[in-house]
Amino acid sequence: MQLKEGVFRCIMQLYDCLLTEVHERCKKGLGLAKYLNSSLAFFCYDLLSTIEPRQVFELVSLYLDKFSGVCQSVLHDCKLTFLQILCDHDLFVEMPGRDPSDRNYLSSILIQEIFLTWDHEDLSMRAKAARMLVVLLCKHEFDIR
C-alpha cells in the first residue's frame, strides 16, 4: 500500500525529528540513544509489512544520510544495529531495490557497512559485522522463494 504524499511527508518529518535526537544522543554516548535507535529500526521494520517498500527506503536513506561521514564507533554501532533489525524482516530476501534496476537496496547497504566495519579497530564490531554477513548469506542461500 502506498501512503498518500501528505501522510508520508508527516511521517518523514516526525521520523527526522526522532532521528536527529538519536544522532545527537549517540554522539554523546548516551545509553538511551541505543533504545531510540532500535525503536526507529523496528518502526521501519513494521512499515515494510504495511506500506510500499520504496517509501520505507526513503526513511532508511534519510537515516543513512544523517549518520554518514561520522567515524565514531558508537554511531557506527547504531547504524549496524539499525540495518541488522531491518534485514531480519521475513521478506528481506525478495525486497526490491530503490529503482527497478536495483536488486536489493538493503542488502547492498548492509554489505557496504559490513566492509566499512572491518576497517575498525574494535574487534567486537568486527565480530558483529561478520555475524551479520553470515546471516545475510544464509538468508539468500536457504530462502525457498
N, C-alpha and C. Protein backbone atom coordinates (compact mmCIF):
# COMPACT_ATOMS: atom_id res chain seq x y z
N MET A 1 0.84 -1.17 0.00
CA MET A 1 0.00 0.00 0.00
C MET A 1 0.89 1.24 0.00
N GLN A 2 0.61 2.14 -0.88
CA GLN A 2 1.36 3.39 -0.96
C GLN A 2 0.63 4.46 -0.16
N LEU A 3 1.34 5.11 0.76
CA LEU A 3 0.74 6.18 1.54
C LEU A 3 0.61 7.43 0.69
N LYS A 4 -0.43 8.21 0.99
CA LYS A 4 -0.59 9.48 0.29
C LYS A 4 0.58 10.38 0.64
N GLU A 5 0.92 11.25 -0.29
CA GLU A 5 2.10 12.11 -0.15
C GLU A 5 2.08 12.93 1.14
N GLY A 6 0.94 13.52 1.48
CA GLY A 6 0.84 14.34 2.69
C GLY A 6 1.07 13.54 3.96
N VAL A 7 0.50 12.35 4.00
CA VAL A 7 0.67 11.48 5.17
C VAL A 7 2.12 11.05 5.30
N PHE A 8 2.70 10.65 4.18
CA PHE A 8 4.09 10.21 4.21
C PHE A 8 5.03 11.36 4.58
N ARG A 9 4.75 12.56 4.12
CA ARG A 9 5.56 13.73 4.46
C ARG A 9 5.53 13.98 5.97
N CYS A 10 4.35 13.82 6.59
CA CYS A 10 4.23 13.98 8.05
C CYS A 10 5.06 12.92 8.79
N ILE A 11 5.00 11.69 8.30
CA ILE A 11 5.80 10.61 8.89
C ILE A 11 7.28 10.92 8.76
N MET A 12 7.69 11.41 7.59
CA MET A 12 9.09 11.76 7.35
C MET A 12 9.56 12.85 8.32
N GLN A 13 8.71 13.85 8.55
CA GLN A 13 9.09 14.95 9.45
C GLN A 13 9.25 14.45 10.88
N LEU A 14 8.31 13.64 11.33
CA LEU A 14 8.40 13.08 12.68
C LEU A 14 9.64 12.18 12.81
N TYR A 15 9.83 11.35 11.80
CA TYR A 15 10.98 10.44 11.77
C TYR A 15 12.28 11.23 11.81
N ASP A 16 12.35 12.31 11.05
CA ASP A 16 13.55 13.15 11.01
C ASP A 16 13.83 13.78 12.37
N CYS A 17 12.79 14.21 13.06
CA CYS A 17 12.98 14.78 14.41
C CYS A 17 13.53 13.74 15.37
N LEU A 18 12.96 12.54 15.34
CA LEU A 18 13.45 11.47 16.21
C LEU A 18 14.86 11.06 15.83
N LEU A 19 15.13 11.04 14.55
CA LEU A 19 16.46 10.67 14.06
C LEU A 19 17.52 11.67 14.51
N THR A 20 17.18 12.93 14.49
CA THR A 20 18.10 13.96 14.97
C THR A 20 18.40 13.75 16.45
N GLU A 21 17.38 13.42 17.21
CA GLU A 21 17.57 13.16 18.64
C GLU A 21 18.49 11.95 18.87
N VAL A 22 18.26 10.89 18.11
CA VAL A 22 19.10 9.70 18.22
C VAL A 22 20.54 10.05 17.88
N HIS A 23 20.73 10.77 16.80
CA HIS A 23 22.08 11.12 16.34
C HIS A 23 22.81 11.94 17.40
N GLU A 24 22.15 12.94 17.96
CA GLU A 24 22.78 13.79 18.96
C GLU A 24 23.10 13.02 20.23
N ARG A 25 22.19 12.15 20.65
CA ARG A 25 22.44 11.36 21.86
C ARG A 25 23.53 10.32 21.63
N CYS A 26 23.60 9.76 20.42
CA CYS A 26 24.66 8.80 20.11
C CYS A 26 26.03 9.46 20.18
N LYS A 27 26.14 10.68 19.66
CA LYS A 27 27.41 11.39 19.68
C LYS A 27 27.89 11.63 21.11
N LYS A 28 26.93 11.77 22.02
CA LYS A 28 27.28 11.98 23.43
C LYS A 28 27.48 10.66 24.16
N GLY A 29 27.17 9.54 23.49
CA GLY A 29 27.37 8.24 24.09
C GLY A 29 26.31 7.86 25.11
N LEU A 30 25.14 8.45 25.01
CA LEU A 30 24.08 8.16 25.98
C LEU A 30 23.38 6.84 25.67
N GLY A 31 23.12 6.06 26.70
CA GLY A 31 22.51 4.74 26.54
C GLY A 31 21.12 4.78 25.94
N LEU A 32 20.38 5.85 26.24
CA LEU A 32 19.02 5.96 25.70
C LEU A 32 19.05 6.00 24.18
N ALA A 33 20.11 6.47 23.61
CA ALA A 33 20.22 6.57 22.15
C ALA A 33 20.08 5.21 21.49
N LYS A 34 20.66 4.18 22.10
CA LYS A 34 20.57 2.83 21.52
C LYS A 34 19.14 2.32 21.51
N TYR A 35 18.39 2.62 22.57
CA TYR A 35 16.98 2.22 22.62
C TYR A 35 16.15 2.97 21.57
N LEU A 36 16.40 4.26 21.46
CA LEU A 36 15.69 5.06 20.45
C LEU A 36 16.05 4.58 19.05
N ASN A 37 17.31 4.28 18.83
CA ASN A 37 17.77 3.79 17.54
C ASN A 37 17.06 2.48 17.18
N SER A 38 17.00 1.57 18.13
CA SER A 38 16.31 0.29 17.88
C SER A 38 14.83 0.51 17.62
N SER A 39 14.23 1.46 18.33
CA SER A 39 12.81 1.76 18.11
C SER A 39 12.56 2.29 16.71
N LEU A 40 13.44 3.15 16.22
CA LEU A 40 13.32 3.65 14.84
C LEU A 40 13.47 2.50 13.85
N ALA A 41 14.39 1.60 14.11
CA ALA A 41 14.58 0.46 13.22
C ALA A 41 13.34 -0.43 13.21
N PHE A 42 12.77 -0.71 14.37
CA PHE A 42 11.57 -1.55 14.43
C PHE A 42 10.36 -0.84 13.81
N PHE A 43 10.34 0.49 13.87
CA PHE A 43 9.29 1.24 13.20
C PHE A 43 9.37 1.01 11.69
N CYS A 44 10.58 1.13 11.13
CA CYS A 44 10.77 0.88 9.70
C CYS A 44 10.50 -0.58 9.37
N TYR A 45 10.91 -1.47 10.24
CA TYR A 45 10.67 -2.91 10.07
C TYR A 45 9.17 -3.18 9.94
N ASP A 46 8.38 -2.60 10.83
CA ASP A 46 6.93 -2.78 10.78
C ASP A 46 6.32 -2.15 9.53
N LEU A 47 6.86 -1.02 9.13
CA LEU A 47 6.35 -0.37 7.92
C LEU A 47 6.59 -1.21 6.67
N LEU A 48 7.65 -1.99 6.66
CA LEU A 48 7.93 -2.84 5.49
C LEU A 48 6.80 -3.82 5.21
N SER A 49 6.05 -4.18 6.23
CA SER A 49 4.93 -5.11 6.05
C SER A 49 3.64 -4.41 5.67
N THR A 50 3.60 -3.10 5.81
CA THR A 50 2.33 -2.40 5.62
C THR A 50 2.30 -1.40 4.47
N ILE A 51 3.44 -0.81 4.15
CA ILE A 51 3.43 0.17 3.06
C ILE A 51 4.42 -0.25 1.98
N GLU A 52 4.43 0.49 0.91
CA GLU A 52 5.33 0.25 -0.22
C GLU A 52 6.78 0.31 0.25
N PRO A 53 7.57 -0.75 0.01
CA PRO A 53 8.97 -0.76 0.48
C PRO A 53 9.78 0.45 0.03
N ARG A 54 9.51 0.98 -1.13
CA ARG A 54 10.30 2.13 -1.61
C ARG A 54 10.10 3.35 -0.72
N GLN A 55 8.92 3.46 -0.10
CA GLN A 55 8.71 4.56 0.84
C GLN A 55 9.55 4.35 2.10
N VAL A 56 9.65 3.11 2.54
CA VAL A 56 10.49 2.80 3.70
C VAL A 56 11.95 3.07 3.35
N PHE A 57 12.34 2.78 2.13
CA PHE A 57 13.72 3.03 1.71
C PHE A 57 14.05 4.51 1.78
N GLU A 58 13.06 5.37 1.59
CA GLU A 58 13.30 6.81 1.75
C GLU A 58 13.66 7.13 3.19
N LEU A 59 12.97 6.46 4.13
CA LEU A 59 13.29 6.66 5.55
C LEU A 59 14.70 6.13 5.87
N VAL A 60 15.02 4.97 5.30
CA VAL A 60 16.35 4.38 5.50
C VAL A 60 17.41 5.32 4.92
N SER A 61 17.16 5.86 3.76
CA SER A 61 18.08 6.78 3.12
C SER A 61 18.29 8.02 3.98
N LEU A 62 17.22 8.53 4.56
CA LEU A 62 17.32 9.68 5.46
C LEU A 62 18.20 9.33 6.67
N TYR A 63 18.00 8.14 7.22
CA TYR A 63 18.81 7.67 8.34
C TYR A 63 20.29 7.62 7.96
N LEU A 64 20.58 7.01 6.82
CA LEU A 64 21.97 6.86 6.39
C LEU A 64 22.61 8.21 6.08
N ASP A 65 21.85 9.13 5.53
CA ASP A 65 22.37 10.47 5.27
C ASP A 65 22.75 11.17 6.59
N LYS A 66 21.90 10.99 7.60
CA LYS A 66 22.15 11.63 8.89
C LYS A 66 23.41 11.07 9.56
N PHE A 67 23.65 9.77 9.37
CA PHE A 67 24.76 9.11 10.03
C PHE A 67 26.01 9.00 9.14
N SER A 68 25.98 9.57 7.96
CA SER A 68 27.13 9.43 7.05
C SER A 68 28.26 10.37 7.45
N GLY A 69 29.46 9.96 7.10
CA GLY A 69 30.62 10.81 7.31
C GLY A 69 31.12 10.91 8.73
N VAL A 70 30.51 10.18 9.65
CA VAL A 70 30.94 10.23 11.05
C VAL A 70 31.58 8.90 11.40
N CYS A 71 32.77 8.93 11.94
CA CYS A 71 33.51 7.69 12.20
C CYS A 71 33.51 7.27 13.66
N GLN A 72 32.64 7.84 14.48
CA GLN A 72 32.58 7.44 15.87
C GLN A 72 32.07 6.01 15.97
N SER A 73 32.68 5.22 16.84
CA SER A 73 32.29 3.82 17.00
C SER A 73 30.84 3.68 17.43
N VAL A 74 30.40 4.55 18.34
CA VAL A 74 29.02 4.45 18.84
C VAL A 74 28.03 4.69 17.71
N LEU A 75 28.30 5.67 16.87
CA LEU A 75 27.40 5.96 15.75
C LEU A 75 27.40 4.81 14.75
N HIS A 76 28.57 4.26 14.50
CA HIS A 76 28.66 3.15 13.55
C HIS A 76 27.93 1.92 14.09
N ASP A 77 28.05 1.69 15.38
CA ASP A 77 27.35 0.57 16.01
C ASP A 77 25.84 0.76 15.91
N CYS A 78 25.37 1.99 16.10
CA CYS A 78 23.93 2.27 15.95
C CYS A 78 23.48 1.98 14.53
N LYS A 79 24.29 2.38 13.57
CA LYS A 79 23.94 2.15 12.16
C LYS A 79 23.88 0.65 11.85
N LEU A 80 24.84 -0.10 12.36
CA LEU A 80 24.83 -1.55 12.15
C LEU A 80 23.60 -2.20 12.79
N THR A 81 23.27 -1.77 13.99
CA THR A 81 22.11 -2.32 14.69
C THR A 81 20.83 -2.01 13.91
N PHE A 82 20.73 -0.78 13.43
CA PHE A 82 19.57 -0.37 12.64
C PHE A 82 19.40 -1.28 11.42
N LEU A 83 20.48 -1.47 10.69
CA LEU A 83 20.42 -2.32 9.48
C LEU A 83 20.18 -3.78 9.83
N GLN A 84 20.75 -4.24 10.93
CA GLN A 84 20.56 -5.62 11.35
C GLN A 84 19.09 -5.90 11.63
N ILE A 85 18.42 -4.98 12.30
CA ILE A 85 16.99 -5.15 12.60
C ILE A 85 16.18 -5.17 11.31
N LEU A 86 16.45 -4.24 10.42
CA LEU A 86 15.70 -4.18 9.16
C LEU A 86 15.91 -5.43 8.31
N CYS A 87 17.13 -5.91 8.26
CA CYS A 87 17.45 -7.05 7.41
C CYS A 87 16.97 -8.36 8.00
N ASP A 88 16.40 -8.31 9.19
CA ASP A 88 15.84 -9.51 9.80
C ASP A 88 14.38 -9.71 9.38
N HIS A 89 13.86 -8.83 8.56
CA HIS A 89 12.48 -8.91 8.10
C HIS A 89 12.25 -10.17 7.27
N ASP A 90 11.06 -10.78 7.42
CA ASP A 90 10.73 -12.02 6.70
C ASP A 90 10.85 -11.88 5.18
N LEU A 91 10.49 -10.72 4.67
CA LEU A 91 10.50 -10.51 3.22
C LEU A 91 11.80 -9.90 2.73
N PHE A 92 12.82 -9.89 3.57
CA PHE A 92 14.07 -9.23 3.24
C PHE A 92 14.67 -9.71 1.92
N VAL A 93 14.71 -11.00 1.70
CA VAL A 93 15.39 -11.55 0.52
C VAL A 93 14.72 -11.10 -0.77
N GLU A 94 13.41 -11.02 -0.77
CA GLU A 94 12.72 -10.68 -2.01
C GLU A 94 12.40 -9.19 -2.15
N MET A 95 12.93 -8.37 -1.27
CA MET A 95 12.66 -6.93 -1.36
C MET A 95 13.29 -6.35 -2.61
N PRO A 96 12.59 -5.40 -3.20
CA PRO A 96 13.13 -4.77 -4.41
C PRO A 96 14.20 -3.73 -4.06
N GLY A 97 14.74 -3.14 -5.08
CA GLY A 97 15.68 -2.05 -4.89
C GLY A 97 14.94 -0.73 -4.89
N ARG A 98 15.69 0.34 -4.75
CA ARG A 98 15.07 1.68 -4.79
C ARG A 98 14.60 1.99 -6.20
N ASP A 99 15.36 1.53 -7.17
CA ASP A 99 14.99 1.70 -8.58
C ASP A 99 14.71 0.32 -9.15
N PRO A 100 13.92 0.24 -10.23
CA PRO A 100 13.65 -1.08 -10.82
C PRO A 100 14.89 -1.84 -11.23
N SER A 101 15.99 -1.14 -11.52
CA SER A 101 17.22 -1.82 -11.93
C SER A 101 18.01 -2.38 -10.74
N ASP A 102 17.71 -1.90 -9.53
CA ASP A 102 18.41 -2.39 -8.33
C ASP A 102 17.88 -3.75 -7.92
N ARG A 103 18.75 -4.58 -7.37
CA ARG A 103 18.34 -5.91 -6.92
C ARG A 103 17.77 -5.85 -5.50
N ASN A 104 18.56 -5.49 -4.54
CA ASN A 104 18.10 -5.43 -3.17
C ASN A 104 18.84 -4.30 -2.46
N TYR A 105 18.14 -3.22 -2.27
CA TYR A 105 18.70 -1.99 -1.70
C TYR A 105 19.30 -2.24 -0.32
N LEU A 106 18.56 -2.91 0.55
CA LEU A 106 19.04 -3.12 1.92
C LEU A 106 20.27 -4.03 1.96
N SER A 107 20.29 -5.05 1.13
CA SER A 107 21.46 -5.94 1.09
C SER A 107 22.71 -5.17 0.70
N SER A 108 22.60 -4.33 -0.30
CA SER A 108 23.77 -3.59 -0.76
C SER A 108 24.27 -2.62 0.31
N ILE A 109 23.35 -1.97 1.01
CA ILE A 109 23.76 -1.05 2.08
C ILE A 109 24.41 -1.83 3.22
N LEU A 110 23.80 -2.95 3.59
CA LEU A 110 24.34 -3.75 4.68
C LEU A 110 25.74 -4.25 4.35
N ILE A 111 25.95 -4.72 3.15
CA ILE A 111 27.27 -5.21 2.75
C ILE A 111 28.30 -4.07 2.79
N GLN A 112 27.90 -2.90 2.33
CA GLN A 112 28.79 -1.73 2.39
C GLN A 112 29.21 -1.45 3.83
N GLU A 113 28.25 -1.44 4.73
CA GLU A 113 28.54 -1.15 6.14
C GLU A 113 29.39 -2.24 6.78
N ILE A 114 29.14 -3.47 6.39
CA ILE A 114 29.94 -4.58 6.92
C ILE A 114 31.40 -4.41 6.52
N PHE A 115 31.65 -4.09 5.27
CA PHE A 115 33.03 -3.91 4.82
C PHE A 115 33.68 -2.70 5.48
N LEU A 116 32.92 -1.64 5.70
CA LEU A 116 33.47 -0.49 6.41
C LEU A 116 33.83 -0.86 7.85
N THR A 117 33.03 -1.72 8.44
CA THR A 117 33.26 -2.13 9.83
C THR A 117 34.56 -2.91 9.97
N TRP A 118 34.90 -3.67 8.98
CA TRP A 118 36.14 -4.46 9.06
C TRP A 118 37.39 -3.58 9.09
N ASP A 119 37.26 -2.30 8.78
CA ASP A 119 38.38 -1.38 8.88
C ASP A 119 38.52 -0.79 10.29
N HIS A 120 37.50 -1.01 11.14
CA HIS A 120 37.55 -0.50 12.51
C HIS A 120 38.50 -1.33 13.36
N GLU A 121 39.03 -0.70 14.39
CA GLU A 121 39.92 -1.41 15.30
C GLU A 121 39.16 -2.23 16.33
N ASP A 122 37.91 -1.88 16.58
CA ASP A 122 37.10 -2.55 17.61
C ASP A 122 36.75 -3.97 17.16
N LEU A 123 37.30 -4.96 17.84
CA LEU A 123 37.08 -6.36 17.46
C LEU A 123 35.63 -6.80 17.66
N SER A 124 34.96 -6.25 18.66
CA SER A 124 33.56 -6.65 18.87
C SER A 124 32.68 -6.18 17.71
N MET A 125 32.99 -5.01 17.16
CA MET A 125 32.22 -4.54 16.00
C MET A 125 32.54 -5.38 14.77
N ARG A 126 33.79 -5.78 14.62
CA ARG A 126 34.14 -6.65 13.50
C ARG A 126 33.41 -7.98 13.61
N ALA A 127 33.34 -8.52 14.82
CA ALA A 127 32.64 -9.79 15.04
C ALA A 127 31.15 -9.64 14.73
N LYS A 128 30.57 -8.52 15.15
CA LYS A 128 29.15 -8.26 14.87
C LYS A 128 28.93 -8.21 13.36
N ALA A 129 29.81 -7.53 12.65
CA ALA A 129 29.69 -7.43 11.19
C ALA A 129 29.83 -8.80 10.53
N ALA A 130 30.75 -9.61 11.03
CA ALA A 130 30.94 -10.96 10.46
C ALA A 130 29.68 -11.81 10.67
N ARG A 131 29.10 -11.73 11.87
CA ARG A 131 27.85 -12.48 12.14
C ARG A 131 26.73 -12.02 11.22
N MET A 132 26.65 -10.70 11.00
CA MET A 132 25.61 -10.16 10.12
C MET A 132 25.79 -10.66 8.69
N LEU A 133 27.04 -10.75 8.24
CA LEU A 133 27.32 -11.24 6.89
C LEU A 133 26.92 -12.71 6.76
N VAL A 134 27.24 -13.51 7.76
CA VAL A 134 26.86 -14.93 7.74
C VAL A 134 25.34 -15.07 7.66
N VAL A 135 24.62 -14.31 8.47
CA VAL A 135 23.15 -14.37 8.45
C VAL A 135 22.62 -13.94 7.09
N LEU A 136 23.18 -12.89 6.53
CA LEU A 136 22.76 -12.41 5.22
C LEU A 136 22.96 -13.47 4.15
N LEU A 137 24.13 -14.09 4.14
CA LEU A 137 24.41 -15.13 3.16
C LEU A 137 23.49 -16.34 3.34
N CYS A 138 23.23 -16.72 4.58
CA CYS A 138 22.32 -17.85 4.84
C CYS A 138 20.90 -17.53 4.37
N LYS A 139 20.46 -16.32 4.61
CA LYS A 139 19.11 -15.94 4.16
C LYS A 139 18.99 -16.09 2.64
N HIS A 140 19.98 -15.63 1.93
CA HIS A 140 19.93 -15.71 0.48
C HIS A 140 20.10 -17.13 -0.02
N GLU A 141 20.92 -17.90 0.65
CA GLU A 141 21.19 -19.27 0.21
C GLU A 141 20.01 -20.20 0.48
N PHE A 142 19.38 -20.06 1.63
CA PHE A 142 18.37 -21.04 2.04
C PHE A 142 16.94 -20.56 1.89
N ASP A 143 16.73 -19.39 1.31
CA ASP A 143 15.37 -18.93 1.08
C ASP A 143 14.74 -19.73 -0.03
N ILE A 144 13.56 -20.29 0.20
CA ILE A 144 12.93 -21.17 -0.79
C ILE A 144 12.05 -20.43 -1.79
N ARG A 145 11.92 -19.12 -1.64
CA ARG A 145 11.04 -18.38 -2.56
C ARG A 145 11.69 -18.25 -3.88
